[in-house]
Amino acid sequence: MQNYIIKSHKVGTSYNKPHFFTLNKGMNSGKPQNEPFTNSFVIIFDNEKDCENIFWVAYSLWKSKFWHQHLVGSVISFLRLPDFKKEFFSKSAHLMVEYEAHIKHVETLKLLAQKEKQFHENINLINDMRRVIIHRYSNK
């Protein structure tokens, strides 16, 4: 089991150990990212390998909308730190039991994220070319 610390991120704080951030307000609560959000929790690790493994667990939980059932608040929904800690510790431990399967899933998720990025870059190139052609055509 990995050892990690979850706490609220304070703007301007820098962390020396490997870490990532998860959004804690809004309908995208639980979204992991390497750059800090204004309203986020920080998850701090002792080594980079554990950080990467748990990042993909957090990504899977966010994509599956796991955190929606734990949101509170009537106007702006948010996750409470104690609820996040309790659920994240138990869920990540459960997902890491089958470590070989977990590594296989992580590799697949990385590949899909890379393909998604390439797809978006191609869409942007197509849109740029469309604009150039339309601009040339309309300025004759």
C-alpha atoms as a PDB file:
ATOM      1  CA  MET A   1       0.000   0.000   0.000  1.00  0.00           C
ATOM      2  CA  GLN A   2       1.302   3.413  -0.910  1.00  0.00           C
ATOM      3  CA  ASN A   3       1.818   6.067   1.692  1.00  0.00           C
ATOM      4  CA  TYR A   4       0.512   9.463   0.742  1.00  0.00           C
ATOM      5  CA  ILE A   5      -0.875  12.585   2.345  1.00  0.00           C
ATOM      6  CA  ILE A   6      -4.047  14.375   1.253  1.00  0.00           C
ATOM      7  CA  LYS A   7      -4.616  17.955   2.353  1.00  0.00           C
ATOM      8  CA  SER A   8      -6.138  21.204   1.142  1.00  0.00           C
ATOM      9  CA  HIS A   9      -3.929  23.162  -1.233  1.00  0.00           C
ATOM     10  CA  LYS A  10      -3.117  26.733  -0.282  1.00  0.00           C
ATOM     11  CA  VAL A  11      -2.360  29.097  -3.168  1.00  0.00           C
ATOM     12  CA  GLY A  12       1.341  29.921  -3.357  1.00  0.00           C
ATOM     13  CA  THR A  13       2.476  26.771  -1.571  1.00  0.00           C
ATOM     14  CA  SER A  14       5.109  24.703  -3.345  1.00  0.00           C
ATOM     15  CA  TYR A  15       5.747  21.032  -2.677  1.00  0.00           C
ATOM     16  CA  ASN A  16       9.146  19.320  -2.871  1.00  0.00           C
ATOM     17  CA  LYS A  17       7.881  15.745  -3.047  1.00  0.00           C
ATOM     18  CA  PRO A  18       5.982  14.204  -6.005  1.00  0.00           C
ATOM     19  CA  HIS A  19       2.359  15.343  -5.952  1.00  0.00           C
ATOM     20  CA  PHE A  20      -0.757  16.103  -7.957  1.00  0.00           C
ATOM     21  CA  PHE A  21      -3.894  18.132  -7.378  1.00  0.00           C
ATOM     22  CA  THR A  22      -7.585  17.228  -7.478  1.00  0.00           C
ATOM     23  CA  LEU A  23     -10.349  19.753  -7.963  1.00  0.00           C
ATOM     24  CA  ASN A  24     -12.741  19.949  -5.030  1.00  0.00           C
ATOM     25  CA  LYS A  25     -15.488  22.311  -6.254  1.00  0.00           C
ATOM     26  CA  GLY A  26     -18.017  22.030  -9.022  1.00  0.00           C
ATOM     27  CA  MET A  27     -19.229  19.160 -11.152  1.00  0.00           C
ATOM     28  CA  ASN A  28     -15.638  18.282 -12.130  1.00  0.00           C
ATOM     29  CA  SER A  29     -14.711  17.605  -8.512  1.00  0.00           C
ATOM     30  CA  GLY A  30     -12.106  14.881  -8.242  1.00  0.00           C
ATOM     31  CA  LYS A  31     -10.409  15.836 -11.523  1.00  0.00           C
ATOM     32  CA  PRO A  32      -6.661  15.206 -11.153  1.00  0.00           C
ATOM     33  CA  GLN A  33      -4.064  17.515 -12.678  1.00  0.00           C
ATOM     34  CA  ASN A  34      -0.379  18.269 -12.224  1.00  0.00           C
ATOM     35  CA  GLU A  35      -0.979  22.034 -12.070  1.00  0.00           C
ATOM     36  CA  PRO A  36      -2.859  23.429  -9.046  1.00  0.00           C
ATOM     37  CA  PHE A  37      -6.489  24.438  -9.217  1.00  0.00           C
ATOM     38  CA  THR A  38      -7.735  27.375  -7.150  1.00  0.00           C
ATOM     39  CA  ASN A  39      -9.957  25.031  -5.137  1.00  0.00           C
ATOM     40  CA  SER A  40      -8.103  21.771  -4.821  1.00  0.00           C
ATOM     41  CA  PHE A  41      -6.696  19.076  -2.626  1.00  0.00           C
ATOM     42  CA  VAL A  42      -3.052  18.090  -2.967  1.00  0.00           C
ATOM     43  CA  ILE A  43      -1.938  14.484  -2.744  1.00  0.00           C
ATOM     44  CA  ILE A  44       1.734  14.170  -1.762  1.00  0.00           C
ATOM     45  CA  PHE A  45       3.850  11.010  -2.221  1.00  0.00           C
ATOM     46  CA  ASP A  46       7.293   9.753  -1.262  1.00  0.00           C
ATOM     47  CA  ASN A  47       8.206   8.626  -4.785  1.00  0.00           C
ATOM     48  CA  GLU A  48       7.259   9.330  -8.398  1.00  0.00           C
ATOM     49  CA  LYS A  49       6.082   5.783  -9.183  1.00  0.00           C
ATOM     50  CA  ASP A  50       3.401   5.839  -6.485  1.00  0.00           C
ATOM     51  CA  CYS A  51       2.362   9.317  -7.598  1.00  0.00           C
ATOM     52  CA  GLU A  52       1.823   8.181 -11.178  1.00  0.00           C
ATOM     53  CA  ASN A  53      -0.060   5.023 -10.175  1.00  0.00           C
ATOM     54  CA  ILE A  54      -2.441   6.864  -7.871  1.00  0.00           C
ATOM     55  CA  PHE A  55      -2.866   9.695 -10.422  1.00  0.00           C
ATOM     56  CA  TRP A  56      -4.421   7.189 -12.813  1.00  0.00           C
ATOM     57  CA  VAL A  57      -6.639   5.810 -10.056  1.00  0.00           C
ATOM     58  CA  ALA A  58      -7.836   9.370  -9.387  1.00  0.00           C
ATOM     59  CA  TYR A  59      -8.334   9.911 -13.125  1.00  0.00           C
ATOM     60  CA  SER A  60     -10.434   6.736 -13.351  1.00  0.00           C
ATOM     61  CA  LEU A  61     -12.588   7.769 -10.397  1.00  0.00           C
ATOM     62  CA  TRP A  62     -13.141  11.224 -11.893  1.00  0.00           C
ATOM     63  CA  LYS A  63     -13.984   9.914 -15.374  1.00  0.00           C
ATOM     64  CA  SER A  64     -16.451   7.394 -13.932  1.00  0.00           C
ATOM     65  CA  LYS A  65     -18.156  10.252 -12.012  1.00  0.00           C
ATOM     66  CA  PHE A  66     -17.500   8.433  -8.732  1.00  0.00           C
ATOM     67  CA  TRP A  67     -17.345  11.711  -6.794  1.00  0.00           C
ATOM     68  CA  HIS A  68     -20.820  12.941  -7.824  1.00  0.00           C
ATOM     69  CA  GLN A  69     -22.452  10.904  -5.067  1.00  0.00           C
ATOM     70  CA  HIS A  70     -20.257  12.637  -2.465  1.00  0.00           C
ATOM     71  CA  LEU A  71     -20.870  16.246  -3.549  1.00  0.00           C
ATOM     72  CA  VAL A  72     -22.558  18.580  -1.071  1.00  0.00           C
ATOM     73  CA  GLY A  73     -23.816  22.145  -1.388  1.00  0.00           C
ATOM     74  CA  SER A  74     -26.934  23.588  -2.958  1.00  0.00           C
ATOM     75  CA  VAL A  75     -25.490  26.292  -5.234  1.00  0.00           C
ATOM     76  CA  ILE A  76     -21.868  25.281  -5.802  1.00  0.00           C
ATOM     77  CA  SER A  77     -21.277  21.627  -5.137  1.00  0.00           C
ATOM     78  CA  PHE A  78     -18.024  20.598  -3.480  1.00  0.00           C
ATOM     79  CA  LEU A  79     -16.207  17.693  -1.849  1.00  0.00           C
ATOM     80  CA  ARG A  80     -15.383  17.763   1.837  1.00  0.00           C
ATOM     81  CA  LEU A  81     -11.802  16.831   2.718  1.00  0.00           C
ATOM     82  CA  PRO A  82     -12.734  14.113   5.266  1.00  0.00           C
ATOM     83  CA  ASP A  83     -15.140  12.488   2.786  1.00  0.00           C
ATOM     84  CA  PHE A  84     -12.550  12.662   0.016  1.00  0.00           C
ATOM     85  CA  LYS A  85      -9.830  11.136   2.211  1.00  0.00           C
ATOM     86  CA  LYS A  86     -12.014   8.299   3.448  1.00  0.00           C
ATOM     87  CA  GLU A  87     -13.356   7.350   0.024  1.00  0.00           C
ATOM     88  CA  PHE A  88     -10.087   7.891  -1.841  1.00  0.00           C
ATOM     89  CA  PHE A  89      -8.037   5.758   0.568  1.00  0.00           C
ATOM     90  CA  SER A  90     -10.509   2.880   0.457  1.00  0.00           C
ATOM     91  CA  LYS A  91     -11.151   3.035  -3.287  1.00  0.00           C
ATOM     92  CA  SER A  92      -7.468   3.344  -4.242  1.00  0.00           C
ATOM     93  CA  ALA A  93      -6.575   0.416  -1.955  1.00  0.00           C
ATOM     94  CA  HIS A  94      -9.337  -1.652  -3.545  1.00  0.00           C
ATOM     95  CA  LEU A  95      -8.181  -0.816  -7.087  1.00  0.00           C
ATOM     96  CA  MET A  96      -4.518  -1.535  -6.277  1.00  0.00           C
ATOM     97  CA  VAL A  97      -5.153  -5.056  -4.922  1.00  0.00           C
ATOM     98  CA  GLU A  98      -4.682  -6.584  -8.371  1.00  0.00           C
ATOM     99  CA  TYR A  99      -1.439  -4.729  -9.069  1.00  0.00           C
ATOM    100  CA  GLU A 100      -0.634  -6.386 -12.427  1.00  0.00           C
ATOM    101  CA  ALA A 101      -4.133  -5.644 -13.733  1.00  0.00           C
ATOM    102  CA  HIS A 102      -3.808  -2.101 -12.413  1.00  0.00           C
ATOM    103  CA  ILE A 103      -0.519  -1.579 -14.308  1.00  0.00           C
ATOM    104  CA  LYS A 104      -2.136  -2.932 -17.481  1.00  0.00           C
ATOM    105  CA  HIS A 105      -5.077  -0.544 -17.091  1.00  0.00           C
ATOM    106  CA  VAL A 106      -2.730   2.386 -16.434  1.00  0.00           C
ATOM    107  CA  GLU A 107      -0.766   1.656 -19.607  1.00  0.00           C
ATOM    108  CA  THR A 108      -4.004   1.470 -21.586  1.00  0.00           C
ATOM    109  CA  LEU A 109      -5.231   4.764 -20.101  1.00  0.00           C
ATOM    110  CA  LYS A 110      -1.917   6.442 -20.954  1.00  0.00           C
ATOM    111  CA  LEU A 111      -2.149   5.214 -24.535  1.00  0.00           C
ATOM    112  CA  LEU A 112      -5.736   6.434 -24.835  1.00  0.00           C
ATOM    113  CA  ALA A 113      -4.786   9.841 -23.403  1.00  0.00           C
ATOM    114  CA  GLN A 114      -1.956  10.109 -25.924  1.00  0.00           C
ATOM    115  CA  LYS A 115      -4.281   9.156 -28.811  1.00  0.00           C
ATOM    116  CA  GLU A 116      -6.863  11.674 -27.588  1.00  0.00           C
ATOM    117  CA  LYS A 117      -4.226  14.414 -27.547  1.00  0.00           C
ATOM    118  CA  GLN A 118      -3.130  13.508 -31.085  1.00  0.00           C
ATOM    119  CA  PHE A 119      -6.757  13.524 -32.207  1.00  0.00           C
ATOM    120  CA  HIS A 120      -7.321  17.030 -30.788  1.00  0.00           C
ATOM    121  CA  GLU A 121      -4.129  18.270 -32.436  1.00  0.00           C
ATOM    122  CA  ASN A 122      -5.330  16.866 -35.778  1.00  0.00           C
ATOM    123  CA  ILE A 123      -8.731  18.526 -35.360  1.00  0.00           C
ATOM    124  CA  ASN A 124      -6.992  21.853 -34.660  1.00  0.00           C
ATOM    125  CA  LEU A 125      -4.839  21.442 -37.785  1.00  0.00           C
ATOM    126  CA  ILE A 126      -7.920  20.672 -39.879  1.00  0.00           C
ATOM    127  CA  ASN A 127      -9.675  23.772 -38.528  1.00  0.00           C
ATOM    128  CA  ASP A 128      -6.593  25.915 -39.252  1.00  0.00           C
ATOM    129  CA  MET A 129      -6.424  24.625 -42.816  1.00  0.00           C
ATOM    130  CA  ARG A 130     -10.155  25.274 -43.252  1.00  0.00           C
ATOM    131  CA  ARG A 131      -9.681  28.883 -42.101  1.00  0.00           C
ATOM    132  CA  VAL A 132      -6.739  29.384 -44.470  1.00  0.00           C
ATOM    133  CA  ILE A 133      -8.672  28.008 -47.456  1.00  0.00           C
ATOM    134  CA  ILE A 134     -11.749  30.069 -46.657  1.00  0.00           C
ATOM    135  CA  HIS A 135      -9.629  33.186 -46.153  1.00  0.00           C
ATOM    136  CA  ARG A 136      -7.840  32.678 -49.490  1.00  0.00           C
ATOM    137  CA  TYR A 137     -11.103  31.922 -51.259  1.00  0.00           C
ATOM    138  CA  SER A 138     -12.984  34.925 -49.857  1.00  0.00           C
ATOM    139  CA  ASN A 139     -10.145  37.398 -50.532  1.00  0.00           C
ATOM    140  CA  LYS A 140      -9.938  36.798 -54.307  1.00  0.00           C
END
